[in-house]
């Protein structure tokens, strides 16, 4: 009887251990399923970063190039179905981690260098441009989510479009459309702003402030402002990064507004997520402000951040059908044009009024 009971207990332990082994093996399957998509998006991101180093392509940031290459791959070759889990992981989890790491590119000291006048101009420009663009989109009949993405991109940049979409949950084509809009008009600014600087007779400090506060992407700001002078370029980059700092309050404000809207609509059950990853972004800004990070380490972190953002944008491109762009019609294009002209004009007026 004792031997039989011992045998029974041993069998139960053996079965339990086998079950745990099977469970562990099962838990590995989702991770392995994500690997092909992550590797595909990573390869496209690497190609984008390499392309960025070609002189004629330097005005386009790697994250912009990544979505272009990803879209080309999807629409010419086709995205394999087995890559879908990894693409979804890259577009959500890796994106949020990359936004957190953006905090290492900012310090409170660098933001203070913009000065009270510069920070006031940046804050008014971002808030007013976002509000105006959403209002204009509503009047043009553009979908609310697409209007918010165009507003976020015009106000702050591509990283803001990605962060904002964690709240709006717009279709991939809307995200791509918003990024395409700021890419087009940011590229126009690279050539138009230096010509306008001579026409308007702006000094290096003023021109750098205008470029950094109104041009969409860091690479575009650098290309436009360094054409005038070293000082204009330095000011432009610092002001542009100060705009990025406003990403956190903007995304939180959108989240609170969206949750309030959901509460007032009882027929809906899904609630927009709180963007907790933005708290990580703020925490790293604070850490970077009080801890001296070695230059080589900081350079490595910035490269990693750019790469992860590029992976996220490559993943987005791998899900975008260009044919769906045509269905949106002309109105979103008009919205992007008006938003670009608005931020450029408003920022210049504020600079003149406070100068």
Protein backbone atom coordinates (compact mmCIF):
# COMPACT_ATOMS: atom_id res chain seq x y z
CA UNK A 1 0.00 0.00 0.00
CA UNK A 2 2.83 2.38 0.95
CA UNK A 3 4.74 1.49 -2.21
CA UNK A 4 1.65 2.11 -4.34
CA UNK A 5 1.01 5.46 -2.65
CA UNK A 6 4.67 6.46 -3.16
CA UNK A 7 4.42 5.46 -6.81
CA UNK A 8 1.22 7.52 -7.17
CA UNK A 9 2.85 10.58 -5.58
CA UNK A 10 5.93 10.20 -7.80
CA UNK A 11 3.71 9.94 -10.84
CA UNK A 12 1.87 13.11 -9.82
CA UNK A 13 5.20 14.97 -9.40
CA UNK A 14 6.39 13.66 -12.74
CA UNK A 15 3.17 14.74 -14.42
CA UNK A 16 3.38 18.14 -12.71
CA UNK A 17 7.00 18.64 -13.85
CA UNK A 18 6.06 17.58 -17.37
CA UNK A 19 3.17 20.04 -17.36
CA UNK A 20 5.48 22.82 -16.21
CA UNK A 21 7.96 21.91 -18.95
CA UNK A 22 5.17 21.97 -21.54
CA UNK A 23 3.96 25.32 -20.21
CA UNK A 24 7.46 26.79 -20.42
CA UNK A 25 7.77 25.46 -23.96
CA UNK A 26 4.39 26.96 -24.82
CA UNK A 27 5.38 30.36 -23.37
CA UNK A 28 8.30 30.53 -25.78
CA UNK A 29 6.09 30.25 -28.82
CA UNK A 30 4.75 33.85 -28.83
CA UNK A 31 8.32 35.19 -28.54
CA UNK A 32 9.52 32.99 -31.39
CA UNK A 33 6.49 33.98 -33.46
CA UNK A 34 7.45 37.66 -33.09
CA UNK A 35 11.04 37.14 -34.20
CA UNK A 36 10.55 37.19 -38.02
CA UNK A 37 8.58 40.45 -37.96
CA UNK A 38 11.06 42.14 -35.62
CA UNK A 39 13.99 41.03 -37.80
CA UNK A 40 12.25 42.28 -40.96
CA UNK A 41 11.46 45.67 -39.44
CA UNK A 42 14.98 45.82 -37.99
CA UNK A 43 16.57 45.12 -41.38
CA UNK A 44 14.53 47.92 -42.95
CA UNK A 45 15.50 50.28 -40.10
CA UNK A 46 19.18 49.42 -40.64
CA UNK A 47 18.81 50.13 -44.37
CA UNK A 48 17.15 53.46 -43.54
CA UNK A 49 19.99 54.50 -41.21
CA UNK A 50 22.55 53.56 -43.84
CA UNK A 51 20.64 55.51 -46.51
CA UNK A 52 20.55 58.57 -44.23
CA UNK A 53 24.36 58.76 -44.43
CA UNK A 54 24.25 59.25 -48.20
CA UNK A 55 24.85 63.03 -48.62
CA UNK A 56 21.84 63.69 -50.84
CA UNK A 57 19.56 61.84 -48.36
CA UNK A 58 20.84 63.51 -45.19
CA UNK A 59 17.86 65.91 -44.98
CA UNK A 60 15.54 62.93 -44.43
CA UNK A 61 15.69 61.41 -40.96
CA UNK A 62 16.09 57.60 -40.69
CA UNK A 63 12.59 57.27 -39.24
CA UNK A 64 11.12 58.92 -42.34
CA UNK A 65 13.21 56.74 -44.65
CA UNK A 66 12.18 53.64 -42.69
CA UNK A 67 8.47 54.13 -43.31
CA UNK A 68 9.10 54.82 -47.01
CA UNK A 69 11.16 51.63 -47.41
CA UNK A 70 8.61 49.65 -45.37
CA UNK A 71 5.72 50.90 -47.51
CA UNK A 72 7.64 50.11 -50.70
CA UNK A 73 8.36 46.57 -49.47
CA UNK A 74 4.73 45.98 -48.47
CA UNK A 75 3.23 47.32 -51.69
CA UNK A 76 5.77 45.78 -54.10
CA UNK A 77 6.87 42.51 -52.46
CA UNK A 78 4.16 42.02 -49.85
CA UNK A 79 4.44 41.56 -46.08
CA UNK A 80 4.38 37.84 -45.16
CA UNK A 81 1.65 36.81 -42.73
CA UNK A 82 4.13 35.11 -40.38
CA UNK A 83 5.75 38.52 -39.75
CA UNK A 84 2.54 40.08 -38.37
CA UNK A 85 3.12 39.33 -34.63
CA UNK A 86 6.60 40.90 -34.67
CA UNK A 87 5.35 43.90 -36.64
CA UNK A 88 2.61 44.50 -34.06
CA UNK A 89 5.17 44.21 -31.23
CA UNK A 90 7.54 46.67 -32.94
CA UNK A 91 4.77 49.16 -33.62
CA UNK A 92 3.59 49.21 -30.01
CA UNK A 93 6.09 48.01 -27.40
CA UNK A 94 9.33 49.04 -29.13
CA UNK A 95 7.78 52.38 -30.06
CA UNK A 96 6.91 53.19 -26.44
CA UNK A 97 10.38 52.20 -25.25
CA UNK A 98 11.90 54.47 -27.92
CA UNK A 99 9.74 57.41 -26.80
CA UNK A 100 10.96 56.87 -23.24
CA UNK A 101 14.58 56.94 -24.46
CA UNK A 102 13.94 60.28 -26.17
CA UNK A 103 14.22 61.75 -22.68
CA UNK A 104 18.00 61.25 -22.84
CA UNK A 105 18.17 63.86 -25.62
CA UNK A 106 16.81 66.60 -23.37
CA UNK A 107 18.02 68.37 -20.26
CA UNK A 108 16.38 71.12 -18.26
CA UNK A 109 19.57 73.15 -18.72
CA UNK A 110 19.37 72.94 -22.51
CA UNK A 111 15.72 73.92 -22.41
CA UNK A 112 16.59 76.87 -20.15
CA UNK A 113 19.07 78.04 -22.80
CA UNK A 114 16.11 78.78 -25.06
CA UNK A 115 15.17 81.48 -22.58
CA UNK A 116 11.79 82.56 -21.26
CA UNK A 117 10.95 84.33 -24.54
CA UNK A 118 11.84 81.31 -26.65
CA UNK A 119 9.95 78.87 -24.42
CA UNK A 120 6.89 81.12 -24.48
CA UNK A 121 7.00 81.27 -28.28
CA UNK A 122 7.40 77.48 -28.52
CA UNK A 123 4.53 76.81 -26.08
CA UNK A 124 2.13 79.24 -27.77
CA UNK A 125 3.09 77.93 -31.21
CA UNK A 126 2.57 74.27 -30.30
CA UNK A 127 -0.73 74.75 -28.45
CA UNK A 128 -2.22 77.17 -30.98
CA UNK A 129 -1.11 75.13 -34.01
CA UNK A 130 -2.53 71.91 -32.59
CA UNK A 131 -5.85 73.57 -31.70
CA UNK A 132 -6.12 75.37 -35.03
CA UNK A 133 -5.31 72.25 -37.07
CA UNK A 134 -7.93 70.12 -35.30
CA UNK A 135 -10.48 72.93 -35.74
CA UNK A 136 -9.60 73.33 -39.42
CA UNK A 137 -9.82 69.57 -39.94
CA UNK A 138 -13.30 69.53 -38.49
CA UNK A 139 -14.38 72.37 -40.81
CA UNK A 140 -12.84 70.62 -43.83
CA UNK A 141 -14.59 67.37 -42.97
CA UNK A 142 -11.37 65.44 -42.27
CA UNK A 143 -11.65 62.49 -39.88
CA UNK A 144 -11.00 63.60 -36.27
CA UNK A 145 -8.23 61.07 -35.67
CA UNK A 146 -6.36 62.01 -38.84
CA UNK A 147 -6.73 65.71 -37.95
CA UNK A 148 -5.20 65.06 -34.53
CA UNK A 149 -2.26 63.20 -36.07
CA UNK A 150 -1.58 65.98 -38.59
CA UNK A 151 -1.90 68.50 -35.74
CA UNK A 152 0.57 66.57 -33.55
CA UNK A 153 3.08 66.16 -36.38
CA UNK A 154 2.90 69.80 -37.45
CA UNK A 155 3.15 71.02 -33.85
CA UNK A 156 5.99 68.76 -32.64
CA UNK A 157 7.12 66.15 -35.19
CA UNK A 158 6.96 62.49 -36.20
CA UNK A 159 7.55 61.20 -32.66
CA UNK A 160 4.44 63.10 -31.57
CA UNK A 161 2.38 61.42 -34.31
CA UNK A 162 3.43 58.00 -33.04
CA UNK A 163 2.85 58.89 -29.39
CA UNK A 164 -0.51 60.50 -30.16
CA UNK A 165 -1.67 57.42 -32.02
CA UNK A 166 -1.41 55.39 -28.81
CA UNK A 167 -4.45 57.43 -27.78
CA UNK A 168 -6.29 58.00 -31.06
CA UNK A 169 -5.73 54.42 -32.35
CA UNK A 170 -6.13 55.62 -35.94
CA UNK A 171 -5.70 53.32 -38.98
CA UNK A 172 -2.11 52.78 -40.12
CA UNK A 173 -2.85 54.69 -43.33
CA UNK A 174 -3.76 57.78 -41.27
CA UNK A 175 -0.45 57.62 -39.39
CA UNK A 176 1.47 57.23 -42.65
CA UNK A 177 -0.49 60.08 -44.21
CA UNK A 178 0.34 62.42 -41.32
CA UNK A 179 4.03 61.49 -41.49
CA UNK A 180 4.04 61.97 -45.27
CA UNK A 181 2.54 65.42 -44.74
CA UNK A 182 5.22 66.66 -42.34
CA UNK A 183 7.93 65.07 -44.49
CA UNK A 184 6.77 66.96 -47.57
CA UNK A 185 6.38 70.35 -45.93
CA UNK A 186 9.49 69.96 -43.78
CA UNK A 187 11.46 69.28 -46.98
CA UNK A 188 9.98 72.39 -48.58
CA UNK A 189 11.04 74.40 -45.52
CA UNK A 190 14.65 73.21 -45.90
CA UNK A 191 14.86 75.12 -49.20
CA UNK A 192 12.41 77.96 -48.53
CA UNK A 193 13.51 79.10 -45.06
CA UNK A 194 17.10 80.16 -45.97
CA UNK A 195 15.71 82.23 -48.86
CA UNK A 196 13.16 83.84 -46.56
CA UNK A 197 15.89 84.55 -44.00
CA UNK A 198 17.64 86.83 -46.48
CA UNK A 199 14.38 88.41 -47.59
CA UNK A 200 13.23 89.07 -44.01
CA UNK A 201 16.75 89.98 -42.84
CA UNK A 202 16.63 87.73 -39.77
CA UNK A 203 19.79 87.46 -37.65
CA UNK A 204 21.17 84.02 -36.73
CA UNK A 205 19.54 83.90 -33.29
CA UNK A 206 16.10 84.88 -34.59
CA UNK A 207 16.31 82.59 -37.61
CA UNK A 208 17.38 79.63 -35.47
CA UNK A 209 14.42 80.25 -33.17
CA UNK A 210 12.03 80.41 -36.13
CA UNK A 211 13.43 77.24 -37.71
CA UNK A 212 13.44 75.22 -34.49
CA UNK A 213 9.94 76.32 -33.47
CA UNK A 214 8.20 75.68 -36.79
CA UNK A 215 10.03 73.05 -38.92
CA UNK A 216 8.87 69.51 -38.21
CA UNK A 217 11.86 67.14 -37.91
CA UNK A 218 15.28 67.52 -36.24
CA UNK A 219 17.11 66.60 -39.47
CA UNK A 220 15.07 69.18 -41.38
CA UNK A 221 15.74 71.86 -38.74
CA UNK A 222 19.46 71.12 -38.93
CA UNK A 223 19.48 71.23 -42.72
CA UNK A 224 17.59 74.54 -42.85
CA UNK A 225 19.31 76.36 -39.97
CA UNK A 226 22.96 75.36 -40.45
CA UNK A 227 22.77 76.73 -44.01
CA UNK A 228 22.69 80.22 -42.49
CA UNK A 229 25.29 79.91 -39.72
CA UNK A 230 26.67 77.68 -36.98
CA UNK A 231 24.86 79.74 -34.34
CA UNK A 232 21.54 79.51 -36.18
CA UNK A 233 21.94 75.74 -36.34
CA UNK A 234 22.72 75.39 -32.63
CA UNK A 235 19.75 77.55 -31.63
CA UNK A 236 17.47 75.71 -34.05
CA UNK A 237 18.33 72.28 -32.62
CA UNK A 238 17.89 73.38 -29.00
CA UNK A 239 14.53 75.01 -29.74
CA UNK A 240 13.38 71.95 -31.67
CA UNK A 241 14.24 69.69 -28.70
CA UNK A 242 12.35 72.07 -26.42
CA UNK A 243 9.30 71.42 -28.61
CA UNK A 244 9.77 67.69 -28.10
CA UNK A 245 9.51 68.30 -24.34
CA UNK A 246 5.89 69.34 -24.91
CA UNK A 247 5.13 65.86 -26.24
CA UNK A 248 4.45 64.60 -22.71
CA UNK A 249 1.78 67.14 -21.65
CA UNK A 250 0.16 66.99 -25.09
CA UNK A 251 -0.28 63.20 -25.03
CA UNK A 252 -1.54 63.26 -21.43
CA UNK A 253 -4.04 65.99 -22.27
CA UNK A 254 -5.33 63.98 -25.24
CA UNK A 255 -5.60 60.87 -23.07
CA UNK A 256 -7.63 62.67 -20.39
CA UNK A 257 -9.88 64.25 -23.01
CA UNK A 258 -10.43 60.89 -24.73
CA UNK A 259 -11.23 59.13 -21.45
CA UNK A 260 -13.69 61.89 -20.55
CA UNK A 261 -15.37 61.48 -23.94
CA UNK A 262 -15.62 57.71 -23.43
CA UNK A 263 -17.18 58.20 -19.99
CA UNK A 264 -19.84 60.44 -21.50
CA UNK A 265 -20.64 57.81 -24.16
CA UNK A 266 -21.98 54.76 -22.27
CA UNK A 267 -22.46 52.70 -25.44
CA UNK A 268 -18.68 52.34 -25.79
CA UNK A 269 -16.76 49.94 -23.62
CA UNK A 270 -13.08 50.39 -24.58
CA UNK A 271 -11.29 53.17 -22.72
CA UNK A 272 -8.23 54.91 -24.16
CA UNK A 273 -5.06 53.86 -22.32
CA UNK A 274 -3.22 56.25 -20.03
CA UNK A 275 0.17 56.93 -21.66
CA UNK A 276 2.31 55.74 -18.75
CA UNK A 277 5.35 55.46 -21.02
CA UNK A 278 5.40 59.27 -21.18
CA UNK A 279 6.17 59.28 -17.45
CA UNK A 280 9.29 57.31 -18.31
CA UNK A 281 10.18 59.98 -20.87
CA UNK A 282 9.83 62.70 -18.20
CA UNK A 283 11.84 60.66 -15.69
CA UNK A 284 14.75 60.28 -18.12
CA UNK A 285 14.72 64.02 -18.86
CA UNK A 286 15.10 64.58 -15.11
CA UNK A 287 17.83 61.92 -14.84
CA UNK A 288 19.71 63.36 -17.80
CA UNK A 289 19.53 66.79 -16.15
CA UNK A 290 21.20 65.73 -12.89
CA UNK A 291 23.50 62.87 -13.94
CA UNK A 292 26.45 63.48 -16.24
CA UNK A 293 26.24 60.77 -18.89
CA UNK A 294 29.53 60.17 -20.77
CA UNK A 295 29.43 61.54 -24.34
CA UNK A 296 30.11 58.13 -25.91
CA UNK A 297 27.30 56.54 -23.91
CA UNK A 298 24.92 59.35 -24.82
CA UNK A 299 25.80 59.01 -28.50
CA UNK A 300 25.08 55.28 -28.29
CA UNK A 301 21.72 55.92 -26.59
CA UNK A 302 20.73 58.47 -29.25
CA UNK A 303 21.66 55.99 -32.00
CA UNK A 304 19.65 53.24 -30.27
CA UNK A 305 16.65 55.58 -29.89
CA UNK A 306 16.76 56.52 -33.57
CA UNK A 307 17.06 52.87 -34.54
CA UNK A 308 14.09 51.80 -32.39
CA UNK A 309 11.94 54.63 -33.75
CA UNK A 310 12.99 53.55 -37.25
CA UNK A 311 12.01 49.93 -36.46
CA UNK A 312 8.57 51.16 -35.32
CA UNK A 313 8.13 53.24 -38.48
CA UNK A 314 9.32 50.36 -40.66
CA UNK A 315 6.71 48.16 -38.99
CA UNK A 316 4.08 50.78 -39.71
CA UNK A 317 5.13 50.95 -43.36
CA UNK A 318 4.84 47.17 -43.60
CA UNK A 319 1.11 47.48 -42.85
CA UNK A 320 0.23 50.44 -45.09
CA UNK A 321 -1.54 50.00 -48.43
CA UNK A 322 -0.79 52.99 -50.65
CA UNK A 323 -4.03 52.41 -52.56
CA UNK A 324 -5.97 53.49 -49.47
CA UNK A 325 -4.39 56.96 -49.64
CA UNK A 326 -6.47 57.86 -52.67
CA UNK A 327 -9.71 57.21 -50.81
CA UNK A 328 -8.93 60.07 -48.42
CA UNK A 329 -9.29 62.64 -51.18
CA UNK A 330 -7.87 66.15 -51.29
CA UNK A 331 -9.06 67.49 -47.94
CA UNK A 332 -6.30 66.00 -45.73
CA UNK A 333 -3.71 67.42 -48.16
CA UNK A 334 -5.31 70.85 -47.83
CA UNK A 335 -5.25 70.46 -44.04
CA UNK A 336 -1.53 69.64 -44.04
CA UNK A 337 -0.78 72.64 -46.28
CA UNK A 338 -2.80 75.06 -44.16
CA UNK A 339 -1.27 73.71 -40.93
CA UNK A 340 2.28 74.17 -42.27
CA UNK A 341 1.61 77.73 -43.42
CA UNK A 342 -0.09 78.49 -40.10
CA UNK A 343 2.78 77.36 -37.87
CA UNK A 344 5.40 79.13 -40.01
CA UNK A 345 3.44 82.39 -40.05
CA UNK A 346 2.33 82.32 -36.41
CA UNK A 347 5.83 81.58 -35.14
CA UNK A 348 7.35 84.42 -37.19
CA UNK A 349 4.68 86.87 -35.97
CA UNK A 350 5.33 85.89 -32.34
CA UNK A 351 9.07 86.33 -32.81
CA UNK A 352 8.55 89.80 -34.31
CA UNK A 353 6.06 90.84 -31.62
CA UNK A 354 8.31 89.73 -28.74
CA UNK A 355 11.59 90.85 -30.35
